[in-house]
Amino acid sequence: MRTLILTLCVAALAANPVLAADQPSSARGKELFNSTTLGTNGKSCASCHAAGKGLKKTAAYDDAKLKKITNQCISKALKGHTLPTGSSDLTSLVLYMKSLAPAAAP
C-alpha cells in the first residue's frame, strides 16, 4: 500500500509543470543558453558559444566556479542581471554547459 501511495505522489509531482520547472535540468539549461531573455542586449549565451564553442573545459570546473563565470557572462556580455547562486536556472545552465564538454577519454 505504501508503495502505491508513494508511486501516485511521485507521478502527481512529475505531472505538475510548476513543480517540474523548479527542478534543474539540462533541457532547461539549453533553453536558457539559447534565450535572449538573460540579458538586455538581444544576445544569448549561444551568440558567443555556438555549438559549445569555448566550453570544452567546463567539465573540469566545479559547479561553484562555473556558476560564478556564468553570472559574469550574464552581467557583462549579455548586460543582464545575475542569477541567484542556488537557483534552478543557474544550476540548469551549468548542467547544460557541462554536457557540451567532450567526454573524457578512458
N, C-alpha and C. Protein backbone atom coordinates (compact mmCIF):
# COMPACT_ATOMS: atom_id res chain seq x y z
N MET A 1 0.82 -1.19 0.00
CA MET A 1 0.00 0.00 0.00
C MET A 1 0.87 1.27 0.00
N ARG A 2 1.92 1.26 0.82
CA ARG A 2 2.83 2.41 0.86
C ARG A 2 3.44 2.67 -0.50
N THR A 3 3.84 1.61 -1.17
CA THR A 3 4.46 1.74 -2.48
C THR A 3 3.50 2.38 -3.47
N LEU A 4 2.24 1.98 -3.42
CA LEU A 4 1.24 2.55 -4.32
C LEU A 4 1.05 4.04 -4.05
N ILE A 5 0.96 4.42 -2.78
CA ILE A 5 0.78 5.83 -2.43
C ILE A 5 2.00 6.64 -2.86
N LEU A 6 3.18 6.11 -2.61
CA LEU A 6 4.41 6.80 -3.00
C LEU A 6 4.48 6.95 -4.52
N THR A 7 4.11 5.92 -5.24
CA THR A 7 4.12 5.97 -6.70
C THR A 7 3.15 7.03 -7.20
N LEU A 8 1.97 7.09 -6.62
CA LEU A 8 0.98 8.08 -7.02
C LEU A 8 1.46 9.50 -6.72
N CYS A 9 2.10 9.69 -5.58
CA CYS A 9 2.62 11.02 -5.22
C CYS A 9 3.71 11.46 -6.20
N VAL A 10 4.62 10.56 -6.52
CA VAL A 10 5.69 10.88 -7.46
C VAL A 10 5.12 11.20 -8.83
N ALA A 11 4.14 10.43 -9.26
CA ALA A 11 3.51 10.68 -10.56
C ALA A 11 2.81 12.03 -10.57
N ALA A 12 2.15 12.39 -9.47
CA ALA A 12 1.47 13.68 -9.40
C ALA A 12 2.47 14.83 -9.44
N LEU A 13 3.58 14.69 -8.75
CA LEU A 13 4.60 15.74 -8.76
C LEU A 13 5.23 15.88 -10.15
N ALA A 14 5.48 14.77 -10.80
CA ALA A 14 6.09 14.80 -12.13
C ALA A 14 5.14 15.41 -13.15
N ALA A 15 3.85 15.24 -12.94
CA ALA A 15 2.87 15.76 -13.89
C ALA A 15 2.59 17.24 -13.68
N ASN A 16 3.01 17.79 -12.56
CA ASN A 16 2.76 19.19 -12.25
C ASN A 16 3.86 20.05 -12.88
N PRO A 17 3.54 20.79 -13.96
CA PRO A 17 4.57 21.56 -14.66
C PRO A 17 5.20 22.65 -13.80
N VAL A 18 4.49 23.18 -12.84
CA VAL A 18 5.06 24.23 -11.98
C VAL A 18 6.17 23.64 -11.12
N LEU A 19 5.91 22.48 -10.54
CA LEU A 19 6.93 21.85 -9.71
C LEU A 19 8.08 21.34 -10.57
N ALA A 20 7.77 20.81 -11.73
CA ALA A 20 8.82 20.30 -12.62
C ALA A 20 9.74 21.43 -13.08
N ALA A 21 9.21 22.62 -13.26
CA ALA A 21 10.01 23.75 -13.71
C ALA A 21 11.04 24.16 -12.67
N ASP A 22 10.79 23.85 -11.42
CA ASP A 22 11.70 24.21 -10.36
C ASP A 22 12.90 23.27 -10.26
N GLN A 23 12.84 22.14 -10.93
CA GLN A 23 13.92 21.17 -10.88
C GLN A 23 14.95 21.48 -11.96
N PRO A 24 16.24 21.56 -11.58
CA PRO A 24 17.27 21.82 -12.59
C PRO A 24 17.31 20.70 -13.63
N SER A 25 17.51 21.06 -14.87
CA SER A 25 17.63 20.06 -15.92
C SER A 25 18.49 20.61 -17.06
N SER A 26 19.12 19.71 -17.75
CA SER A 26 19.92 20.10 -18.90
C SER A 26 19.03 20.70 -19.99
N ALA A 27 17.80 20.20 -20.11
CA ALA A 27 16.87 20.74 -21.11
C ALA A 27 16.54 22.20 -20.82
N ARG A 28 16.31 22.53 -19.54
CA ARG A 28 16.05 23.92 -19.16
C ARG A 28 17.32 24.75 -19.40
N GLY A 29 18.47 24.19 -19.10
CA GLY A 29 19.73 24.89 -19.35
C GLY A 29 19.92 25.22 -20.82
N LYS A 30 19.57 24.28 -21.70
CA LYS A 30 19.68 24.51 -23.13
C LYS A 30 18.74 25.63 -23.57
N GLU A 31 17.54 25.62 -23.02
CA GLU A 31 16.56 26.67 -23.33
C GLU A 31 17.10 28.04 -22.93
N LEU A 32 17.65 28.14 -21.73
CA LEU A 32 18.22 29.41 -21.25
C LEU A 32 19.45 29.81 -22.06
N PHE A 33 20.30 28.85 -22.39
CA PHE A 33 21.53 29.08 -23.15
C PHE A 33 21.22 29.72 -24.50
N ASN A 34 20.12 29.34 -25.09
CA ASN A 34 19.73 29.85 -26.41
C ASN A 34 18.77 31.03 -26.35
N SER A 35 18.38 31.43 -25.16
CA SER A 35 17.40 32.51 -24.99
C SER A 35 18.08 33.87 -24.85
N THR A 36 17.42 34.88 -25.37
CA THR A 36 17.92 36.26 -25.22
C THR A 36 17.36 36.93 -23.98
N THR A 37 16.60 36.21 -23.18
CA THR A 37 15.96 36.81 -22.00
C THR A 37 16.90 36.98 -20.81
N LEU A 38 18.06 36.37 -20.83
CA LEU A 38 19.00 36.53 -19.71
C LEU A 38 19.66 37.91 -19.71
N GLY A 39 19.68 38.54 -20.85
CA GLY A 39 20.32 39.85 -20.95
C GLY A 39 19.40 40.90 -21.50
N THR A 40 19.98 42.06 -21.76
CA THR A 40 19.19 43.19 -22.26
C THR A 40 19.67 43.67 -23.64
N ASN A 41 20.67 42.97 -24.20
CA ASN A 41 21.23 43.43 -25.47
C ASN A 41 20.86 42.56 -26.66
N GLY A 42 19.88 41.66 -26.49
CA GLY A 42 19.43 40.83 -27.59
C GLY A 42 20.32 39.63 -27.90
N LYS A 43 21.30 39.37 -27.06
CA LYS A 43 22.19 38.24 -27.28
C LYS A 43 21.87 37.12 -26.30
N SER A 44 22.35 35.94 -26.64
CA SER A 44 22.21 34.77 -25.76
C SER A 44 23.60 34.19 -25.51
N CYS A 45 23.68 33.21 -24.65
CA CYS A 45 24.96 32.52 -24.43
C CYS A 45 25.44 31.93 -25.76
N ALA A 46 24.49 31.40 -26.53
CA ALA A 46 24.82 30.78 -27.82
C ALA A 46 25.36 31.78 -28.84
N SER A 47 25.11 33.07 -28.62
CA SER A 47 25.65 34.08 -29.54
C SER A 47 27.17 34.02 -29.58
N CYS A 48 27.79 33.78 -28.45
CA CYS A 48 29.25 33.69 -28.37
C CYS A 48 29.74 32.25 -28.37
N HIS A 49 28.90 31.34 -27.90
CA HIS A 49 29.32 29.95 -27.72
C HIS A 49 28.49 28.99 -28.57
N ALA A 50 28.30 29.33 -29.84
CA ALA A 50 27.53 28.46 -30.74
C ALA A 50 28.12 27.06 -30.75
N ALA A 51 27.26 26.06 -30.62
CA ALA A 51 27.68 24.65 -30.62
C ALA A 51 28.72 24.36 -29.53
N GLY A 52 28.69 25.13 -28.45
CA GLY A 52 29.60 24.89 -27.33
C GLY A 52 31.00 25.44 -27.51
N LYS A 53 31.18 26.30 -28.50
CA LYS A 53 32.50 26.90 -28.77
C LYS A 53 33.07 27.53 -27.48
N GLY A 54 34.28 27.15 -27.14
CA GLY A 54 34.95 27.71 -25.98
C GLY A 54 34.54 27.11 -24.65
N LEU A 55 33.71 26.08 -24.67
CA LEU A 55 33.24 25.49 -23.41
C LEU A 55 33.76 24.07 -23.20
N LYS A 56 34.80 23.71 -23.91
CA LYS A 56 35.31 22.34 -23.82
C LYS A 56 35.84 21.97 -22.44
N LYS A 57 36.27 22.94 -21.66
CA LYS A 57 36.86 22.65 -20.35
C LYS A 57 35.86 22.78 -19.20
N THR A 58 34.60 23.01 -19.51
CA THR A 58 33.62 23.23 -18.44
C THR A 58 33.50 22.04 -17.50
N ALA A 59 33.67 20.84 -17.99
CA ALA A 59 33.54 19.66 -17.13
C ALA A 59 34.62 19.64 -16.04
N ALA A 60 35.74 20.32 -16.28
CA ALA A 60 36.82 20.34 -15.31
C ALA A 60 36.56 21.31 -14.15
N TYR A 61 35.65 22.25 -14.33
CA TYR A 61 35.35 23.23 -13.29
C TYR A 61 34.35 22.66 -12.30
N ASP A 62 34.52 23.06 -11.03
CA ASP A 62 33.47 22.69 -10.07
C ASP A 62 32.28 23.62 -10.29
N ASP A 63 31.13 23.19 -9.82
CA ASP A 63 29.90 23.93 -10.08
C ASP A 63 29.95 25.37 -9.58
N ALA A 64 30.54 25.59 -8.41
CA ALA A 64 30.59 26.95 -7.85
C ALA A 64 31.37 27.89 -8.77
N LYS A 65 32.50 27.42 -9.27
CA LYS A 65 33.32 28.26 -10.15
C LYS A 65 32.58 28.52 -11.47
N LEU A 66 31.95 27.50 -12.01
CA LEU A 66 31.24 27.65 -13.27
C LEU A 66 30.02 28.56 -13.11
N LYS A 67 29.37 28.51 -11.97
CA LYS A 67 28.25 29.42 -11.71
C LYS A 67 28.74 30.87 -11.67
N LYS A 68 29.88 31.09 -11.04
CA LYS A 68 30.45 32.43 -10.96
C LYS A 68 30.80 32.96 -12.35
N ILE A 69 31.45 32.13 -13.15
CA ILE A 69 31.82 32.53 -14.52
C ILE A 69 30.57 32.81 -15.35
N THR A 70 29.57 31.96 -15.21
CA THR A 70 28.32 32.12 -15.96
C THR A 70 27.65 33.44 -15.61
N ASN A 71 27.58 33.75 -14.32
CA ASN A 71 26.97 35.00 -13.90
C ASN A 71 27.77 36.21 -14.40
N GLN A 72 29.09 36.09 -14.48
CA GLN A 72 29.90 37.18 -15.02
C GLN A 72 29.55 37.41 -16.49
N CYS A 73 29.36 36.34 -17.23
CA CYS A 73 28.98 36.47 -18.65
C CYS A 73 27.59 37.09 -18.78
N ILE A 74 26.68 36.67 -17.91
CA ILE A 74 25.33 37.23 -17.97
C ILE A 74 25.37 38.73 -17.70
N SER A 75 26.11 39.14 -16.68
CA SER A 75 26.11 40.56 -16.32
C SER A 75 26.94 41.41 -17.27
N LYS A 76 28.03 40.87 -17.80
CA LYS A 76 28.90 41.68 -18.66
C LYS A 76 28.58 41.53 -20.14
N ALA A 77 28.68 40.33 -20.66
CA ALA A 77 28.49 40.12 -22.10
C ALA A 77 27.03 40.29 -22.52
N LEU A 78 26.10 39.81 -21.68
CA LEU A 78 24.69 39.90 -22.03
C LEU A 78 24.00 41.14 -21.46
N LYS A 79 24.71 41.85 -20.59
CA LYS A 79 24.15 43.06 -19.95
C LYS A 79 22.87 42.73 -19.19
N GLY A 80 22.92 41.61 -18.47
CA GLY A 80 21.75 41.17 -17.72
C GLY A 80 22.00 41.18 -16.22
N HIS A 81 21.03 40.66 -15.50
CA HIS A 81 21.13 40.54 -14.05
C HIS A 81 21.56 39.13 -13.69
N THR A 82 22.47 39.00 -12.76
CA THR A 82 22.96 37.69 -12.37
C THR A 82 21.82 36.85 -11.79
N LEU A 83 21.98 35.54 -11.90
CA LEU A 83 21.02 34.61 -11.33
C LEU A 83 21.46 34.23 -9.92
N PRO A 84 20.52 34.03 -9.00
CA PRO A 84 20.90 33.60 -7.65
C PRO A 84 21.71 32.31 -7.69
N THR A 85 22.74 32.24 -6.88
CA THR A 85 23.66 31.10 -6.89
C THR A 85 22.95 29.76 -6.72
N GLY A 86 21.94 29.69 -5.90
CA GLY A 86 21.24 28.44 -5.65
C GLY A 86 20.03 28.22 -6.54
N SER A 87 19.85 29.06 -7.55
CA SER A 87 18.65 28.96 -8.37
C SER A 87 18.67 27.75 -9.30
N SER A 88 17.49 27.27 -9.59
CA SER A 88 17.33 26.15 -10.51
C SER A 88 17.83 26.53 -11.91
N ASP A 89 17.59 27.77 -12.33
CA ASP A 89 18.02 28.20 -13.66
C ASP A 89 19.54 28.21 -13.79
N LEU A 90 20.24 28.71 -12.80
CA LEU A 90 21.71 28.73 -12.88
C LEU A 90 22.26 27.31 -12.86
N THR A 91 21.69 26.46 -12.02
CA THR A 91 22.11 25.06 -11.97
C THR A 91 21.83 24.37 -13.30
N SER A 92 20.71 24.70 -13.93
CA SER A 92 20.36 24.13 -15.22
C SER A 92 21.36 24.56 -16.29
N LEU A 93 21.74 25.83 -16.28
CA LEU A 93 22.75 26.31 -17.24
C LEU A 93 24.06 25.55 -17.07
N VAL A 94 24.47 25.34 -15.83
CA VAL A 94 25.71 24.61 -15.56
C VAL A 94 25.59 23.17 -16.06
N LEU A 95 24.47 22.53 -15.80
CA LEU A 95 24.27 21.16 -16.28
C LEU A 95 24.40 21.10 -17.81
N TYR A 96 23.75 22.03 -18.49
CA TYR A 96 23.80 22.04 -19.94
C TYR A 96 25.21 22.32 -20.46
N MET A 97 25.88 23.30 -19.89
CA MET A 97 27.23 23.62 -20.37
C MET A 97 28.19 22.46 -20.15
N LYS A 98 28.05 21.76 -19.04
CA LYS A 98 28.90 20.60 -18.79
C LYS A 98 28.60 19.49 -19.81
N SER A 99 27.37 19.42 -20.28
CA SER A 99 27.02 18.41 -21.28
C SER A 99 27.65 18.72 -22.64
N LEU A 100 28.09 19.94 -22.84
CA LEU A 100 28.73 20.33 -24.10
C LEU A 100 30.20 19.94 -24.16
N ALA A 101 30.79 19.68 -22.99
CA ALA A 101 32.21 19.32 -22.93
C ALA A 101 32.38 17.89 -23.47
N PRO A 102 33.43 17.66 -24.23
CA PRO A 102 33.65 16.31 -24.74
C PRO A 102 33.90 15.32 -23.60
N ALA A 103 33.47 14.11 -23.79
CA ALA A 103 33.66 13.08 -22.77
C ALA A 103 35.15 12.81 -22.61
N ALA A 104 35.54 12.54 -21.37
CA ALA A 104 36.95 12.25 -21.08
C ALA A 104 37.33 10.91 -21.71
N ALA A 105 38.51 10.84 -22.23
CA ALA A 105 38.98 9.59 -22.84
C ALA A 105 39.25 8.56 -21.74
N PRO A 106 38.93 7.29 -21.99
CA PRO A 106 39.15 6.24 -20.97
C PRO A 106 40.61 5.95 -20.75
